[in-house]
Protein backbone atom coordinates (compact mmCIF):
# COMPACT_ATOMS: atom_id res chain seq x y z
CA UNK A 1 -6.53 -8.44 13.42
CA UNK A 2 -3.05 -7.33 14.15
CA UNK A 3 0.64 -8.15 13.51
CA UNK A 4 0.64 -11.79 13.97
CA UNK A 5 -2.64 -12.65 12.10
CA UNK A 6 -1.45 -10.25 9.31
CA UNK A 7 2.00 -11.95 8.97
CA UNK A 8 0.38 -15.44 9.28
CA UNK A 9 -1.81 -14.70 6.46
CA UNK A 10 0.93 -13.34 4.21
CA UNK A 11 3.10 -16.17 4.76
CA UNK A 12 0.21 -18.75 4.05
CA UNK A 13 -0.48 -16.88 1.00
CA UNK A 14 3.08 -16.93 -0.33
CA UNK A 15 3.55 -20.48 0.55
CA UNK A 16 0.26 -21.72 -1.04
CA UNK A 17 1.00 -19.57 -4.25
CA UNK A 18 4.50 -20.95 -4.29
CA UNK A 19 3.38 -24.57 -3.84
CA UNK A 20 0.94 -24.09 -6.82
CA UNK A 21 3.87 -22.74 -9.05
CA UNK A 22 5.46 -26.23 -8.42
CA UNK A 23 2.31 -28.08 -9.33
CA UNK A 24 2.43 -25.96 -12.63
CA UNK A 25 5.93 -27.03 -13.35
CA UNK A 26 5.19 -30.63 -12.90
CA UNK A 27 2.12 -30.47 -15.12
CA UNK A 28 4.18 -28.33 -17.86
CA UNK A 29 7.11 -30.82 -17.67
CA UNK A 30 5.02 -33.75 -18.13
CA UNK A 31 3.24 -32.19 -21.17
CA UNK A 32 6.60 -31.38 -22.63
CA UNK A 33 7.91 -35.08 -22.02
CA UNK A 34 4.81 -36.44 -23.85
CA UNK A 35 4.76 -34.24 -26.95
CA UNK A 36 8.38 -33.13 -27.75
CA UNK A 37 11.50 -35.07 -28.67
CA UNK A 38 13.80 -36.08 -25.72
CA UNK A 39 16.46 -33.26 -26.49
CA UNK A 40 14.18 -30.47 -26.95
CA UNK A 41 12.00 -31.69 -24.14
CA UNK A 42 15.20 -31.62 -21.62
CA UNK A 43 16.07 -27.91 -22.46
CA UNK A 44 12.54 -26.78 -22.32
CA UNK A 45 11.88 -28.62 -19.02
CA UNK A 46 14.91 -26.78 -17.68
CA UNK A 47 13.63 -23.42 -18.83
CA UNK A 48 10.52 -24.11 -16.98
CA UNK A 49 12.22 -25.14 -13.79
CA UNK A 50 14.29 -21.78 -14.00
CA UNK A 51 11.10 -19.82 -14.64
CA UNK A 52 9.28 -21.40 -11.79
CA UNK A 53 12.49 -20.93 -9.39
CA UNK A 54 12.61 -17.22 -10.27
CA UNK A 55 8.80 -16.94 -9.78
CA UNK A 56 9.21 -18.47 -6.36
CA UNK A 57 12.04 -16.45 -5.47
CA UNK A 58 9.81 -13.30 -6.31
CA UNK A 59 6.98 -14.46 -4.25
CA UNK A 60 9.37 -15.27 -1.09
CA UNK A 61 10.50 -11.48 -1.65
CA UNK A 62 6.93 -10.54 -0.48
CA UNK A 63 7.21 -12.31 2.67
CA UNK A 64 6.87 -9.62 5.65
CA UNK A 65 9.93 -7.38 6.22
CA UNK A 66 11.78 -8.87 3.13
CA UNK A 67 12.55 -5.09 2.32
CA UNK A 68 15.33 -5.12 4.59
CA UNK A 69 17.21 -7.19 2.46
CA UNK A 70 20.23 -5.43 0.78
CA UNK A 71 19.40 -6.12 -2.83
CA UNK A 72 19.55 -4.02 -5.94
CA UNK A 73 16.39 -1.77 -5.60
CA UNK A 74 15.36 -2.23 -9.32
CA UNK A 75 15.95 -6.02 -9.26
CA UNK A 76 14.33 -6.49 -5.97
CA UNK A 77 11.22 -4.36 -7.36
CA UNK A 78 10.80 -6.26 -10.33
CA UNK A 79 11.29 -9.69 -9.09
CA UNK A 80 8.76 -9.36 -6.47
CA UNK A 81 6.26 -7.77 -8.54
CA UNK A 82 6.71 -10.17 -11.58
CA UNK A 83 6.52 -13.05 -8.88
CA UNK A 84 3.21 -11.74 -7.62
CA UNK A 85 1.57 -10.82 -11.07
CA UNK A 86 2.58 -14.20 -12.54
CA UNK A 87 1.26 -16.03 -9.38
CA UNK A 88 -2.13 -14.31 -9.43
CA UNK A 89 -2.56 -14.73 -13.21
CA UNK A 90 -1.31 -18.56 -13.64
CA UNK A 91 -2.95 -19.73 -10.20
CA UNK A 92 -6.71 -19.32 -11.53
CA UNK A 93 -5.36 -21.11 -14.83
CA UNK A 94 -4.15 -23.97 -12.57
CA UNK A 95 -7.31 -24.13 -10.46
CA UNK A 96 -9.59 -23.94 -13.69
CA UNK A 97 -7.51 -26.84 -15.10
CA UNK A 98 -7.87 -28.80 -12.07
CA UNK A 99 -11.61 -28.37 -11.54
CA UNK A 100 -12.39 -29.33 -15.45
CA UNK A 101 -10.07 -32.29 -15.08
CA UNK A 102 -11.95 -33.49 -11.87
CA UNK A 103 -15.35 -32.76 -13.34
CA UNK A 104 -14.31 -34.71 -16.58
CA UNK A 105 -13.16 -37.70 -14.59
CA UNK A 106 -16.71 -37.94 -12.47
CA UNK A 107 -18.71 -37.81 -15.78
CA UNK A 108 -19.65 -40.62 -18.16
CA UNK A 109 -17.11 -41.96 -20.50
CA UNK A 110 -18.70 -40.34 -23.30
CA UNK A 111 -18.71 -36.72 -22.19
CA UNK A 112 -21.31 -34.49 -23.96
CA UNK A 113 -19.14 -32.16 -26.50
CA UNK A 114 -21.36 -29.25 -25.69
CA UNK A 115 -20.73 -29.70 -21.87
CA UNK A 116 -16.99 -30.11 -22.56
CA UNK A 117 -16.93 -26.85 -24.56
CA UNK A 118 -18.86 -25.06 -21.90
CA UNK A 119 -16.41 -26.51 -19.22
CA UNK A 120 -13.41 -25.26 -21.40
CA UNK A 121 -15.02 -21.79 -21.90
CA UNK A 122 -15.86 -21.41 -18.25
CA UNK A 123 -12.01 -22.33 -17.36
CA UNK A 124 -10.93 -20.03 -20.06
CA UNK A 125 -13.00 -17.02 -18.78
CA UNK A 126 -11.99 -17.98 -15.01
CA UNK A 127 -8.25 -17.58 -16.01
CA UNK A 128 -8.60 -14.60 -18.21
CA UNK A 129 -10.40 -12.34 -15.58
CA UNK A 130 -7.74 -12.07 -12.93
CA UNK A 131 -5.02 -11.23 -15.99
CA UNK A 132 -7.30 -8.66 -17.23
CA UNK A 133 -8.20 -7.02 -13.88
CA UNK A 134 -4.48 -6.99 -12.96
CA UNK A 135 -3.53 -5.76 -16.29
CA UNK A 136 -6.00 -2.65 -15.87
CA UNK A 137 -4.89 -2.12 -12.09
CA UNK A 138 -0.96 -2.15 -13.39
CA UNK A 139 -1.52 -0.19 -16.31
CA UNK A 140 -4.31 2.20 -15.63
CA UNK A 141 -5.33 2.63 -12.02
CA UNK A 142 -1.89 2.34 -10.63
CA UNK A 143 -1.29 5.89 -12.05
CA UNK A 144 -4.91 7.26 -11.90
CA UNK A 145 -4.27 9.92 -9.11
CA UNK A 146 -7.39 11.30 -7.73
CA UNK A 147 -8.26 14.13 -5.46
CA UNK A 148 -10.27 13.24 -2.50
CA UNK A 149 -12.01 16.18 -0.51
CA UNK A 150 -13.16 15.42 3.00
CA UNK A 151 -15.29 17.40 5.09
CA UNK A 152 -14.04 16.72 8.88
CA UNK A 153 -16.29 17.66 11.66
CA UNK A 154 -14.25 18.59 14.72
CA UNK A 155 -15.97 19.39 18.09
CA UNK A 156 -15.33 22.63 19.45
CA UNK A 157 -13.57 24.03 16.38
CA UNK A 158 -12.12 27.55 16.65
CA UNK A 159 -14.25 29.74 14.23
CA UNK A 160 -10.75 30.83 12.62
CA UNK A 161 -9.97 27.25 11.76
CA UNK A 162 -13.44 26.56 10.10
CA UNK A 163 -12.72 25.85 6.57
CA UNK A 164 -9.15 25.16 7.05
CA UNK A 165 -7.60 22.96 4.28
CA UNK A 166 -5.21 20.25 5.02
CA UNK A 167 -3.53 18.50 2.00
CA UNK A 168 -2.06 15.01 2.81
CA UNK A 169 0.14 12.81 0.67
CA UNK A 170 1.29 9.44 1.86
CA UNK A 171 3.19 6.24 0.80
CA UNK A 172 4.76 7.66 -2.16
CA UNK A 173 7.24 4.66 -2.71
CA UNK A 174 9.12 6.32 -5.46
CA UNK A 175 10.94 3.26 -6.76
CA UNK A 176 10.84 0.76 -9.75
CA UNK A 177 7.10 1.13 -9.87
CA UNK A 178 6.76 4.94 -9.50
CA UNK A 179 9.03 7.36 -11.50
CA UNK A 180 10.10 10.82 -10.51
CA UNK A 181 8.01 12.18 -13.30
CA UNK A 182 4.76 10.58 -12.34
CA UNK A 183 5.29 11.83 -8.79
CA UNK A 184 6.15 15.43 -10.28
CA UNK A 185 2.56 15.11 -11.65
CA UNK A 186 1.18 14.59 -8.24
CA UNK A 187 2.94 17.41 -6.69
CA UNK A 188 1.80 19.74 -9.42
CA UNK A 189 -1.90 18.65 -8.87
CA UNK A 190 -1.40 19.09 -4.92
CA UNK A 191 -0.07 22.63 -5.58
CA UNK A 192 -3.26 23.62 -7.41
CA UNK A 193 -5.25 22.79 -4.39
CA UNK A 194 -3.99 25.53 -2.55
CA UNK A 195 -4.03 24.07 1.01
CA UNK A 196 -3.41 25.98 4.22
CA UNK A 197 -1.00 23.34 5.20
CA UNK A 198 0.66 20.02 3.39
CA UNK A 199 1.36 16.93 5.30
CA UNK A 200 3.43 14.04 3.94
CA UNK A 201 2.80 10.91 6.23
CA UNK A 202 5.74 8.62 5.65
CA UNK A 203 6.98 5.99 3.04
CA UNK A 204 8.78 8.09 0.71
CA UNK A 205 10.65 4.87 -0.69
CA UNK A 206 10.42 1.27 -0.71
CA UNK A 207 13.64 -0.49 -0.28
CA UNK A 208 17.44 0.63 0.32
CA UNK A 209 18.90 2.21 -2.97
CA UNK A 210 15.66 3.83 -4.04
CA UNK A 211 15.94 7.36 -4.95
CA UNK A 212 15.20 9.34 -1.61
CA UNK A 213 17.00 12.49 -2.80
CA UNK A 214 14.69 12.56 -6.18
CA UNK A 215 11.76 12.05 -3.76
CA UNK A 216 12.42 14.99 -1.38
CA UNK A 217 13.45 17.24 -4.39
CA UNK A 218 9.88 17.00 -5.40
CA UNK A 219 8.35 17.13 -2.12
CA UNK A 220 10.13 20.48 -1.57
CA UNK A 221 8.31 21.64 -4.50
CA UNK A 222 4.97 21.35 -2.45
CA UNK A 223 3.27 24.76 -1.71
CA UNK A 224 0.90 25.77 0.65
CA UNK A 225 0.08 29.02 2.88
CA UNK A 226 1.88 27.78 5.62
CA UNK A 227 4.30 25.26 4.67
CA UNK A 228 4.49 21.52 4.73
CA UNK A 229 5.43 18.94 7.55
CA UNK A 230 5.71 15.32 7.78
CA UNK A 231 6.32 12.16 9.50
CA UNK A 232 8.45 8.82 8.70
CA UNK A 233 7.05 5.49 7.72
CA UNK A 234 8.17 1.80 8.16
CA UNK A 235 10.04 1.80 4.77
CA UNK A 236 12.34 4.62 5.99
CA UNK A 237 13.20 2.11 8.82
CA UNK A 238 13.58 -0.95 6.55
CA UNK A 239 15.90 1.22 4.07
CA UNK A 240 17.91 2.56 7.01
CA UNK A 241 17.08 6.15 5.70
CA UNK A 242 15.14 7.60 8.49
CA UNK A 243 17.87 9.76 9.94
CA UNK A 244 19.15 10.79 6.37
CA UNK A 245 15.67 11.60 5.14
CA UNK A 246 15.18 13.82 8.44
CA UNK A 247 18.45 15.56 8.03
CA UNK A 248 18.17 16.12 4.20
CA UNK A 249 14.46 17.13 4.68
CA UNK A 250 15.46 19.70 7.10
CA UNK A 251 17.84 21.30 4.85
CA UNK A 252 15.33 21.46 2.14
CA UNK A 253 12.61 23.15 4.53
CA UNK A 254 10.81 19.86 5.03
CA UNK A 255 10.57 19.25 8.75
CA UNK A 256 9.82 15.48 9.53
CA UNK A 257 8.45 15.61 13.06
CA UNK A 258 10.10 12.86 15.28
CA UNK A 259 8.25 13.04 18.60
CA UNK A 260 8.34 16.80 17.98
CA UNK A 261 5.53 19.41 17.68
CA UNK A 262 5.28 22.69 16.01
CA UNK A 263 2.62 25.22 16.17
CA UNK A 264 0.77 27.47 13.63
CA UNK A 265 -1.49 30.43 14.16
CA UNK A 266 -4.35 31.08 12.11
CA UNK A 267 -5.80 34.32 13.31
CA UNK A 268 -6.62 33.66 16.92
CA UNK A 269 -6.49 29.89 16.70
CA UNK A 270 -3.48 27.73 17.27
CA UNK A 271 -2.92 24.46 15.61
CA UNK A 272 -0.43 22.18 17.19
CA UNK A 273 1.08 19.65 15.07
CA UNK A 274 3.01 16.65 16.37
CA UNK A 275 4.61 13.66 14.43
CA UNK A 276 5.90 10.48 15.55
CA UNK A 277 8.27 7.71 13.74
CA UNK A 278 6.45 4.55 12.55
CA UNK A 279 5.20 2.80 15.56
CA UNK A 280 6.10 -0.89 15.38
CA UNK A 281 3.10 -3.03 15.40
CA UNK A 282 5.37 -5.75 17.61
CA UNK A 283 5.59 -2.71 20.20
CA UNK A 284 1.89 -2.24 20.41
CA UNK A 285 1.50 -2.04 24.01
CA UNK A 286 3.75 1.07 23.92
CA UNK A 287 2.30 2.83 21.00
CA UNK A 288 2.55 6.67 21.21
CA UNK A 289 4.61 6.45 24.54
CA UNK A 290 5.31 9.99 25.70
CA UNK A 291 3.21 11.58 22.79
CA UNK A 292 0.82 12.96 25.32
CA UNK A 293 3.35 15.28 26.56
CA UNK A 294 3.19 16.93 23.10
CA UNK A 295 -0.48 18.06 23.30
CA UNK A 296 -1.01 21.74 23.84
CA UNK A 297 -3.92 23.35 25.87
CA UNK A 298 -6.34 25.51 23.98
CA UNK A 299 -5.26 24.34 20.63
CA UNK A 300 -6.17 22.10 17.89
CA UNK A 301 -4.11 19.04 18.38
CA UNK A 302 -3.19 17.30 15.06
CA UNK A 303 -1.17 14.00 15.11
CA UNK A 304 0.84 12.49 12.09
CA UNK A 305 1.44 8.85 12.28
CA UNK A 306 2.14 6.77 9.47
CA UNK A 307 0.14 3.51 10.69
CA UNK A 308 -3.51 4.16 11.61
CA UNK A 309 -3.77 1.27 14.07
CA UNK A 310 -2.45 4.12 17.05
CA UNK A 311 -5.59 5.50 16.74
CA UNK A 312 -7.29 4.12 19.91
CA UNK A 313 -4.20 5.49 21.92
CA UNK A 314 -4.35 8.70 20.14
CA UNK A 315 -7.97 9.24 20.98
CA UNK A 316 -7.56 8.14 24.76
CA UNK A 317 -4.62 10.61 24.87
CA UNK A 318 -6.77 13.49 23.41
CA UNK A 319 -5.54 14.19 19.94
CA UNK A 320 -8.20 15.95 18.00
CA UNK A 321 -7.23 14.61 14.61
CA UNK A 322 -4.66 12.03 13.33
CA UNK A 323 -3.55 11.82 9.97
CA UNK A 324 -2.27 8.32 8.64
CA UNK A 325 -1.39 6.16 5.57
CA UNK A 326 0.38 2.85 5.39
CA UNK A 327 -2.40 0.58 4.15
CA UNK A 328 -2.71 2.06 0.58
CA UNK A 329 -6.56 1.40 1.19
CA UNK A 330 -5.70 -2.12 0.83
CA UNK A 331 -4.18 -1.53 -2.86
CA UNK A 332 -6.06 -4.52 -4.21
CA UNK A 333 -9.66 -4.23 -2.72
CA UNK A 334 -12.51 -6.59 -3.59
CA UNK A 335 -15.93 -5.50 -2.51
CA UNK A 336 -18.45 -8.59 -2.06
CA UNK A 337 -21.71 -7.97 -0.69
CA UNK A 338 -20.98 -4.38 0.36
CA UNK A 339 -17.75 -5.48 2.37
CA UNK A 340 -14.25 -4.70 1.52
CA UNK A 341 -11.97 -7.55 1.28
CA UNK A 342 -8.06 -6.96 1.07
CA UNK A 343 -4.92 -7.98 2.83
CA UNK A 344 -4.61 -4.60 5.14
CA UNK A 345 -7.99 -5.95 6.98
CA UNK A 346 -5.92 -8.44 8.50
CA UNK A 347 -3.56 -6.10 10.27
CA UNK A 348 -5.82 -3.15 11.08
CA UNK A 349 -9.41 -2.15 11.12
CA UNK A 350 -8.43 1.26 9.80
CA UNK A 351 -7.91 0.77 6.26
CA UNK A 352 -9.15 3.65 4.57
CA UNK A 353 -11.33 6.91 5.14
CA UNK A 354 -12.67 8.74 8.16
CA UNK A 355 -13.16 6.90 11.47
CA UNK A 356 -14.23 8.45 14.87
CA UNK A 357 -13.80 7.68 18.62
CA UNK A 358 -15.56 10.08 20.92
CA UNK A 359 -14.29 13.56 20.04
CA UNK A 360 -11.07 12.18 18.01
CA UNK A 361 -10.98 11.60 14.41
CA UNK A 362 -8.55 9.89 11.97
CA UNK A 363 -8.12 10.03 8.38
CA UNK A 364 -6.38 7.00 6.65
CA UNK A 365 -5.47 7.93 3.24
CA UNK A 366 -5.12 5.47 0.21
CA UNK A 367 -1.71 7.10 -0.64
CA UNK A 368 0.07 7.56 -3.94
CA UNK A 369 2.46 4.37 -4.67
CA UNK A 370 2.27 0.54 -4.68
CA UNK A 371 4.34 -2.11 -2.83
CA UNK A 372 4.82 -5.66 -3.73
CA UNK A 373 2.91 -6.01 -7.04
CA UNK A 374 2.82 -2.69 -8.93
CA UNK A 375 -1.03 -2.67 -9.43
CA UNK A 376 -4.14 -1.17 -7.58
CA UNK A 377 -7.66 -2.31 -7.87
CA UNK A 378 -10.50 -0.56 -6.16
CA UNK A 379 -8.23 1.64 -4.38
CA UNK A 380 -6.88 4.20 -6.72
CA UNK A 381 -4.04 6.46 -5.41
CA UNK A 382 -5.34 9.67 -3.93
CA UNK A 383 -4.28 13.32 -2.82
CA UNK A 384 -6.51 13.96 0.14
CA UNK A 385 -7.93 17.38 1.05
CA UNK A 386 -9.26 17.43 4.50
CA UNK A 387 -11.41 20.49 5.23
CA UNK A 388 -12.13 21.24 8.90
CA UNK A 389 -15.81 22.01 9.95
CA UNK A 390 -17.05 22.75 13.46
CA UNK A 391 -19.06 19.84 14.61
């Protein structure tokens, strides 16, 4: 698992889905030429080729780091979302058609009508299930915001920190797929949780031109006993907004910690909170370089890092707790025989939930928004509430 494996899998998946689209175009054009007059067939074939070309372009916009392209954010978002959605619904149709044809060719010349009907019924069902699931993921689960409460055992936790409530929001991705009004609902729900501290762990937007000011405006409405802090994610880098986000956030009272630490006191206990910018996976040998100097003695040391694969280094450096996001919990997650299958697993073993290493822990949240396809399956968006307990 890691950057190269994850990127390779993504590239192979996009190329394979694109090839299927062109096979679909060839099949569709053959049917059009066989059943329509020549003039009508010519125009309809051109429309098919245009549609498949646009679908392929949409798929290509889902290649790793395509977010750095300077395209209109709404056009970019809808093109790659539509490309993925169409590919994931049309590919099962093509596979079902291909299998039915193969089975029919291997059968005796006079195929049993009942068997033919069963094959067609199975093919229709195989094609309909992905479309239905993705429709549910886009229309329902994408905005089915949940509150997830986690009891976090911390070895040697000071008694004055026992029960401390940390509220975490991550991967907001305010964009064509998540409106300011939808995010405002999340902020209202987070405020009702009455956390002691609120954290925002990166990816406020998706691409250049997305409404970062609107996102910051909503974040500034978050309330807690001791304020809020945050760190920046990879999409702030892709959009070229990391400096602006940090500066504007500071003006609104939202400190984004960039290799910085701040301390909060609760009774006689000290919480030392540090944050780092997104740690590029290509720079893995240098993860958290210099971050150990931000650790404070005789304090609970909490690290904010957008990507969770820094955890082994954070544990080795001595951070008590790391809060991360980045993975969206897989976003589209399929459970088979009690094992989760999703694209994030090819990048990191820390996809979702609580992980431990020695005395150190990390919590990886599923986050709020989506990237690529505007759908979630098996990984609903969440507001995380981490309640500290003495181990």
